[in-house]
Protein backbone atom coordinates (compact mmCIF):
# COMPACT_ATOMS: atom_id res chain seq x y z
CA MET A 1 -0.16 0.13 0.18
CA SER A 2 1.72 3.46 -0.95
CA LYS A 3 1.40 6.35 1.22
CA LYS A 4 -0.94 8.34 -0.65
CA GLU A 5 -3.32 4.73 -0.07
CA LYS A 6 -2.68 4.47 3.85
CA ILE A 7 -5.53 5.24 5.79
CA ILE A 8 -5.03 7.98 8.39
CA VAL A 9 -6.91 7.18 11.72
CA GLY A 10 -7.40 9.71 14.01
CA ILE A 11 -7.93 9.02 17.53
CA SER A 12 -9.47 10.72 20.59
CA ILE A 13 -7.67 9.72 23.49
CA GLY A 14 -10.60 9.90 25.97
CA ASP A 15 -10.47 9.86 29.79
CA LEU A 16 -6.80 9.63 30.37
CA ASN A 17 -7.19 8.32 33.83
CA GLY A 18 -9.05 5.26 32.31
CA ILE A 19 -7.47 2.51 30.13
CA GLY A 20 -7.92 4.56 27.07
CA SER A 21 -4.36 5.72 26.51
CA GLU A 22 -3.27 1.98 27.53
CA ILE A 23 -5.59 0.40 24.88
CA VAL A 24 -4.15 2.99 22.12
CA LEU A 25 -0.58 2.27 22.95
CA LYS A 26 -1.04 -1.61 23.39
CA THR A 27 -2.78 -1.69 19.75
CA PHE A 28 0.16 -0.13 18.08
CA GLN A 29 2.61 -1.17 19.88
CA ASP A 30 2.45 -4.39 17.30
CA ASN A 31 4.42 -2.60 14.22
CA ARG A 32 2.51 -4.79 11.64
CA MET A 33 -0.61 -2.28 12.64
CA LEU A 34 1.55 0.28 10.79
CA GLU A 35 1.15 -1.23 7.44
CA PHE A 36 -2.38 -1.13 7.62
CA CYS A 37 -3.12 2.32 8.33
CA THR A 38 -1.51 5.62 9.89
CA PRO A 39 -2.41 6.79 13.46
CA VAL A 40 -2.66 10.21 14.76
CA VAL A 41 -3.36 10.36 18.48
CA PHE A 42 -4.83 13.90 19.69
CA ALA A 43 -3.05 14.42 22.83
CA SER A 44 0.21 15.35 24.14
CA VAL A 45 3.54 13.43 23.11
CA LYS A 46 5.03 14.48 26.83
CA LEU A 47 1.82 12.81 28.53
CA MET A 48 1.72 9.69 26.49
CA SER A 49 5.14 9.39 26.53
CA TYR A 50 4.93 9.33 30.40
CA ILE A 51 1.86 6.76 30.40
CA LYS A 52 3.90 4.33 28.45
CA LYS A 53 6.87 4.58 30.82
CA VAL A 54 4.25 3.86 33.67
CA LEU A 55 2.81 0.84 31.83
CA GLU A 56 6.45 -0.09 30.80
CA LEU A 57 5.60 -0.66 27.06
CA ASP A 58 7.81 -0.53 24.64
CA VAL A 59 6.49 1.82 22.03
CA ASN A 60 7.77 4.69 19.82
CA LEU A 61 5.95 8.04 19.26
CA TYR A 62 6.67 10.54 17.14
CA GLY A 63 5.28 13.88 18.33
CA ILE A 64 3.99 16.76 15.79
CA ASP A 65 2.83 20.17 16.02
CA SER A 66 0.76 20.06 12.84
CA LEU A 67 -1.18 17.56 10.80
CA ASP A 68 0.67 18.80 7.95
CA LYS A 69 3.71 17.14 9.46
CA ILE A 70 2.31 13.50 9.78
CA VAL A 71 4.55 10.54 9.12
CA HIS A 72 3.33 7.48 7.53
CA LYS A 73 4.52 3.87 9.60
CA LYS A 74 5.00 6.37 12.89
CA ILE A 75 2.72 6.27 15.82
CA ASN A 76 1.89 10.33 15.11
CA VAL A 77 1.19 12.22 18.58
CA LEU A 78 -0.68 15.74 18.05
CA ASN A 79 -0.02 18.11 20.57
CA VAL A 80 -3.17 19.25 21.27
CA TRP A 81 -2.15 20.59 24.63
CA LYS A 82 1.91 21.11 26.32
CA GLU A 83 0.93 21.91 29.77
CA GLN A 84 1.50 18.98 32.47
CA LEU A 85 -1.37 17.02 33.88
CA ASP A 86 -1.73 15.45 37.20
CA ILE A 87 -2.74 12.00 36.07
CA LYS A 88 -4.36 9.60 38.81
CA PHE A 89 -5.13 6.32 37.30
CA GLY A 90 -8.83 5.16 38.41
CA GLU A 91 -10.28 8.41 39.80
CA GLU A 92 -12.98 10.70 38.36
CA ASP A 93 -11.66 14.17 37.46
CA LYS A 94 -13.77 17.09 36.14
CA ALA A 95 -10.34 18.62 35.12
CA ILE A 96 -9.10 15.51 33.09
CA GLY A 97 -12.50 15.18 31.65
CA SER A 98 -11.76 18.77 29.88
CA TYR A 99 -8.82 17.34 28.45
CA ALA A 100 -10.68 14.33 26.53
CA VAL A 101 -13.18 16.90 25.37
CA LYS A 102 -10.28 18.89 23.75
CA SER A 103 -8.85 15.97 22.19
CA LEU A 104 -12.21 14.91 20.80
CA GLU A 105 -13.07 18.38 19.43
CA ALA A 106 -9.49 18.42 17.78
CA ALA A 107 -9.93 14.90 16.10
CA VAL A 108 -13.38 16.18 14.48
CA ALA A 109 -12.37 19.22 13.40
CA ALA A 110 -9.28 17.36 11.57
CA LEU A 111 -11.67 14.63 10.21
CA LYS A 112 -14.54 17.60 9.00
CA ASP A 113 -11.47 19.22 6.89
CA SER A 114 -10.35 15.53 6.07
CA LYS A 115 -7.46 15.80 7.27
CA ILE A 116 -8.07 12.52 8.75
CA ASP A 117 -9.89 9.59 7.08
CA VAL A 118 -11.80 8.04 10.20
CA LEU A 119 -12.23 8.52 13.67
CA VAL A 120 -11.55 6.14 16.77
CA THR A 121 -12.73 7.43 20.21
CA ALA A 122 -11.22 6.07 23.11
CA PRO A 123 -13.71 5.60 25.98
CA ILE A 124 -14.82 8.89 27.97
CA ASN A 125 -16.63 9.71 31.37
CA LYS A 126 -19.99 11.03 30.30
CA SER A 127 -20.05 12.38 33.75
CA ASN A 128 -16.84 14.61 34.06
CA VAL A 129 -16.82 15.72 30.16
CA GLN A 130 -19.72 18.01 31.18
CA SER A 131 -19.84 21.89 30.69
CA GLU A 132 -21.70 24.72 29.24
CA SER A 133 -19.59 24.49 26.20
CA PHE A 134 -20.18 20.39 25.87
CA ASN A 135 -23.49 19.40 27.14
CA PHE A 136 -24.10 15.82 25.56
CA PRO A 137 -24.97 12.60 27.09
CA GLY A 138 -21.98 10.85 24.84
CA HIS A 139 -19.99 10.75 21.66
CA THR A 140 -22.68 10.16 19.17
CA ASP A 141 -24.91 12.98 19.84
CA TYR A 142 -21.58 15.49 19.49
CA LEU A 143 -20.87 13.62 16.31
CA ALA A 144 -24.19 14.17 14.77
CA LYS A 145 -24.71 17.68 15.84
CA GLU A 146 -20.80 18.29 14.43
CA LEU A 147 -20.71 15.79 11.17
CA GLY A 148 -24.42 15.96 9.99
CA GLY A 149 -26.92 13.13 8.78
CA GLU A 150 -29.16 10.81 11.23
CA SER A 151 -27.28 9.34 13.94
CA LEU A 152 -27.56 5.73 14.88
CA MET A 153 -25.74 3.44 17.20
CA LEU A 154 -24.51 0.20 15.62
CA MET A 155 -22.39 -2.40 17.57
CA ILE A 156 -20.94 -4.57 15.17
CA SER A 157 -18.89 -7.86 15.47
CA ASP A 158 -18.36 -10.04 12.88
CA GLY A 159 -21.91 -10.93 11.47
CA LEU A 160 -23.79 -9.35 14.32
CA ARG A 161 -25.15 -5.87 13.96
CA VAL A 162 -27.28 -4.46 16.70
CA GLY A 163 -28.88 -0.93 16.07
CA LEU A 164 -30.87 1.13 18.43
CA LEU A 165 -33.93 2.85 18.47
CA THR A 166 -33.19 4.93 21.36
CA ASP A 167 -29.64 5.15 22.69
CA HIS A 168 -28.68 7.16 26.00
CA VAL A 169 -32.59 7.68 27.02
CA ALA A 170 -33.89 6.78 30.44
CA VAL A 171 -36.21 3.64 30.49
CA LYS A 172 -39.25 5.71 31.62
CA ASP A 173 -38.81 7.45 28.36
CA VAL A 174 -38.74 5.33 25.86
CA SER A 175 -41.96 4.67 24.79
CA THR A 176 -42.84 8.09 24.53
CA THR A 177 -39.65 8.50 22.58
CA ILE A 178 -40.64 6.03 20.16
CA THR A 179 -42.54 7.49 17.26
CA ARG A 180 -43.33 6.61 13.75
CA GLU A 181 -41.35 9.05 12.66
CA LEU A 182 -38.17 7.84 14.62
CA ILE A 183 -38.71 4.31 13.38
CA GLU A 184 -38.86 5.14 9.80
CA LYS A 185 -35.76 7.36 10.11
CA LYS A 186 -33.64 5.11 11.90
CA ILE A 187 -34.38 1.88 9.63
CA LYS A 188 -33.90 3.83 6.57
CA THR A 189 -30.50 5.13 8.45
CA ILE A 190 -29.46 1.66 9.06
CA TYR A 191 -30.86 0.32 5.61
CA LYS A 192 -28.67 2.71 3.50
CA THR A 193 -25.53 1.84 6.18
CA LEU A 194 -25.58 -1.83 5.08
CA ILE A 195 -25.42 -1.07 1.59
CA GLN A 196 -23.04 1.85 1.39
CA ASP A 197 -20.77 0.66 4.43
CA PHE A 198 -20.87 -3.05 4.53
CA GLY A 199 -21.66 -3.93 0.76
CA ILE A 200 -25.28 -5.84 1.38
CA SER A 201 -27.36 -5.30 -1.76
CA LYS A 202 -30.63 -6.44 -0.22
CA PRO A 203 -30.42 -6.16 3.69
CA LYS A 204 -32.80 -8.12 5.82
CA ILE A 205 -33.44 -6.31 9.05
CA ALA A 206 -34.85 -7.51 12.34
CA VAL A 207 -36.84 -5.28 14.36
CA LEU A 208 -37.38 -6.29 18.37
CA GLY A 209 -40.72 -5.29 20.13
CA ILE A 210 -40.96 -2.22 22.18
CA ASN A 211 -42.73 -4.13 25.35
CA PRO A 212 -42.54 -7.82 26.79
CA HIS A 213 -43.76 -10.49 23.97
CA VAL A 214 -44.22 -7.56 21.81
CA GLY A 215 -47.41 -6.54 24.04
CA ASP A 216 -49.04 -9.89 24.09
CA GLN A 217 -51.84 -7.99 21.70
CA GLY A 218 -52.11 -5.04 24.06
CA VAL A 219 -52.19 -6.87 27.14
CA ILE A 220 -48.79 -5.86 28.43
CA GLY A 221 -48.73 -2.51 26.43
CA THR A 222 -50.41 -0.81 23.23
CA GLU A 223 -46.87 0.56 21.49
CA ASP A 224 -46.42 -2.08 19.51
CA ASP A 225 -49.88 -2.57 18.27
CA GLU A 226 -50.31 1.10 17.62
CA ILE A 227 -46.83 2.40 16.49
CA LEU A 228 -44.65 -0.38 15.61
CA ILE A 229 -46.29 -2.98 13.52
CA PRO A 230 -48.31 -0.43 11.64
CA THR A 231 -44.67 1.51 10.54
CA LEU A 232 -43.27 -2.12 9.85
CA ASN A 233 -46.15 -2.78 7.65
CA ASN A 234 -45.98 0.72 5.92
CA LEU A 235 -41.77 0.07 5.34
CA ARG A 236 -42.52 -3.72 3.74
CA ASN A 237 -44.92 -2.05 1.52
CA ASN A 238 -42.20 0.39 0.21
CA GLY A 239 -40.03 -2.46 -0.10
CA LYS A 240 -37.93 -2.75 2.65
CA LEU A 241 -36.91 -6.38 3.65
CA VAL A 242 -38.09 -5.40 7.15
CA PHE A 243 -39.26 -8.48 9.98
CA GLY A 244 -40.84 -8.62 13.26
CA PRO A 245 -41.21 -7.14 15.51
CA TYR A 246 -39.75 -10.17 17.44
CA ALA A 247 -40.06 -10.89 21.42
CA ALA A 248 -36.54 -9.83 22.65
CA ASP A 249 -36.44 -12.37 25.23
CA SER A 250 -35.96 -15.50 23.35
CA PHE A 251 -34.63 -13.91 20.01
CA PHE A 252 -30.91 -13.97 20.59
CA GLY A 253 -31.05 -17.30 22.89
CA SER A 254 -32.73 -18.88 19.75
CA GLY A 255 -29.88 -17.85 17.42
CA ASN A 256 -32.59 -16.61 15.13
CA TYR A 257 -30.22 -13.06 14.72
CA LYS A 258 -28.15 -15.14 12.53
CA ASN A 259 -31.08 -14.79 9.70
CA PHE A 260 -30.44 -11.18 9.27
CA ASP A 261 -27.84 -8.62 8.64
CA ALA A 262 -28.94 -6.26 11.49
CA VAL A 263 -31.25 -6.24 14.24
CA ILE A 264 -32.94 -3.20 15.53
CA ALA A 265 -33.73 -2.94 19.21
CA SER A 266 -35.98 -0.72 21.06
CA TYR A 267 -34.05 0.72 23.64
CA HIS A 268 -30.24 0.56 24.87
CA ASP A 269 -30.38 -2.53 27.31
CA GLN A 270 -32.58 -4.67 25.22
CA GLY A 271 -29.73 -4.62 22.44
CA LEU A 272 -26.40 -4.38 24.25
CA VAL A 273 -27.24 -6.65 27.02
CA PRO A 274 -27.13 -9.84 24.41
CA PHE A 275 -24.75 -8.31 22.30
CA LYS A 276 -21.90 -8.05 24.76
CA THR A 277 -22.72 -11.22 25.96
CA LEU A 278 -22.25 -12.62 22.85
CA THR A 279 -19.05 -10.53 21.93
CA PHE A 280 -17.78 -9.09 24.76
CA GLY A 281 -14.05 -7.76 24.24
CA ASN A 282 -14.54 -8.16 20.45
CA GLY A 283 -17.16 -5.59 20.06
CA VAL A 284 -17.41 -2.46 18.10
CA ASN A 285 -19.39 0.91 18.55
CA TYR A 286 -19.97 2.33 14.90
CA THR A 287 -21.79 5.68 14.71
CA ALA A 288 -23.62 4.80 11.46
CA GLY A 289 -25.63 7.68 9.18
CA LEU A 290 -22.93 10.62 9.91
CA SER A 291 -20.81 12.05 6.62
CA LYS A 292 -17.84 10.69 8.08
CA ILE A 293 -16.86 7.30 9.63
CA ARG A 294 -16.20 6.71 13.90
CA THR A 295 -15.57 3.42 15.89
CA SER A 296 -15.07 3.04 19.23
CA PRO A 297 -14.80 -0.21 21.42
CA ASP A 298 -17.43 -1.48 23.40
CA HIS A 299 -16.60 -0.86 26.83
CA GLY A 300 -15.81 2.46 29.04
CA THR A 301 -12.97 4.03 30.84
CA ALA A 302 -12.75 1.06 33.23
CA TYR A 303 -11.25 2.98 36.36
CA ASP A 304 -10.83 -0.31 38.30
CA MET A 305 -7.78 -1.67 35.89
CA ALA A 306 -6.22 1.50 34.68
CA GLY A 307 -2.98 2.14 35.55
CA LYS A 308 -2.28 -1.61 36.20
CA ASN A 309 -1.32 -2.83 32.51
CA LYS A 310 -4.06 -5.44 32.65
CA ALA A 311 -6.56 -3.81 29.95
CA ASN A 312 -7.58 -5.71 26.99
CA TYR A 313 -6.88 -3.63 23.70
CA GLU A 314 -8.65 -6.32 21.08
CA SER A 315 -11.90 -4.26 21.08
CA PHE A 316 -9.95 -1.11 20.23
CA LYS A 317 -8.16 -3.03 17.94
CA GLN A 318 -11.34 -4.15 16.21
CA ALA A 319 -12.64 -0.87 16.34
CA VAL A 320 -9.63 0.51 14.21
CA PHE A 321 -9.84 -2.45 11.78
CA SER A 322 -13.57 -1.68 11.31
CA ALA A 323 -13.07 1.74 10.92
CA ILE A 324 -10.69 1.24 8.06
CA GLU A 325 -12.85 -1.44 6.20
CA ILE A 326 -16.05 0.73 6.62
CA HIS A 327 -13.84 3.44 4.79
CA ARG A 328 -13.18 1.17 2.21
CA LYS A 329 -16.59 0.12 1.11
CA ARG A 330 -17.95 3.37 1.56
CA GLU A 331 -15.21 4.81 -0.99
CA GLU A 332 -16.12 1.27 -3.27
CA TYR A 333 -20.12 2.44 -3.22
CA ARG A 334 -19.25 6.06 -3.95
CA LEU A 335 -17.27 5.07 -6.79
CA LEU A 336 -19.90 2.35 -8.43
CA SER A 337 -22.94 4.81 -7.68
CA LYS A 338 -21.45 7.45 -10.01
CA ASP A 339 -22.36 8.16 -13.61
CA PRO A 340 -20.28 5.08 -15.74
CA LEU A 341 -19.91 7.79 -18.44
CA LYS A 342 -17.89 9.66 -15.33
CA VAL A 343 -15.87 6.58 -14.00
CA ASN A 344 -14.79 5.16 -17.14
CA PRO A 345 -12.91 7.03 -20.13
CA LYS A 346 -15.20 7.75 -22.87
CA LYS A 347 -15.35 5.59 -25.65
CA THR A 348 -15.40 6.67 -29.26
CA PHE A 349 -16.94 4.31 -31.97
CA ALA A 350 -16.74 4.54 -35.68
CA LYS A 351 -20.07 5.39 -37.76
CA LYS A 352 -21.33 2.66 -39.67
CA LYS A 353 -21.19 3.95 -43.38
């Protein structure tokens, strides 16, 4: 792969008191990763050097002060700040949270300007990043605002893909949040994503019910009968291969999920509990529907093991690979979607006499 073809992976460092910096360094400790991509960590080379020393990791870092200075086959660390930070592994710290935001904002700006090709985010603490200027329940909402598009949390691992109608919404608000418009928007987003980002020409999508046993014909709630089922019928009438709603309690245990290209759950735990049970340590969180590509590992800051050199970096590594693969699929889709006369050189034909 030539330098021009090598995908530049931007990395926001996340909560520095958590395991984010450790899993980033461990991922690129294997030099073979640099054959797949060129990483750019948005942080401070002085700080990252300190952390690698504490964790006794054998990894070479290359500090840069401008994205024009990126060097391929190096682990680039863009100096987003230069001041010293007081790292206390395992502690929740509002000041440290503000640096997670600085890293994220700088990385997203670079993504918007196409200085990097994809973004992989290390875990943040949703509580200590809150401020007057940053008031979002997580990465997904912030990225939707900055990058545009119809964002959808899509958990992926091998052939399993689980999307959510509602993500970081309190359980008491789920039923009132789910509307016909929301269902149609989310299903259309995941349908397009499966085609352009995963190369699936005719996606088959399963949808899980809102209430236990899909409401049991109104005995356990009416939302499925009044909102979900009519909306799915309408989508099917318009050519979408959408199936369900299925009772969530038996759907994954029976293996039925294997018959579909994606599954849409009604709320966070309905989808993520079975997903993480089946894939934990290998899953990836992909923010589908945006103009740019962002992935992250399927876990949080893990304060309990921070600074102990015990963190499993497999999910973060898979997030890097997923971002690269989705980027390639999307570029391929864009090329194939162009006017063939514009893609291929024009041919001239001799006129028949």
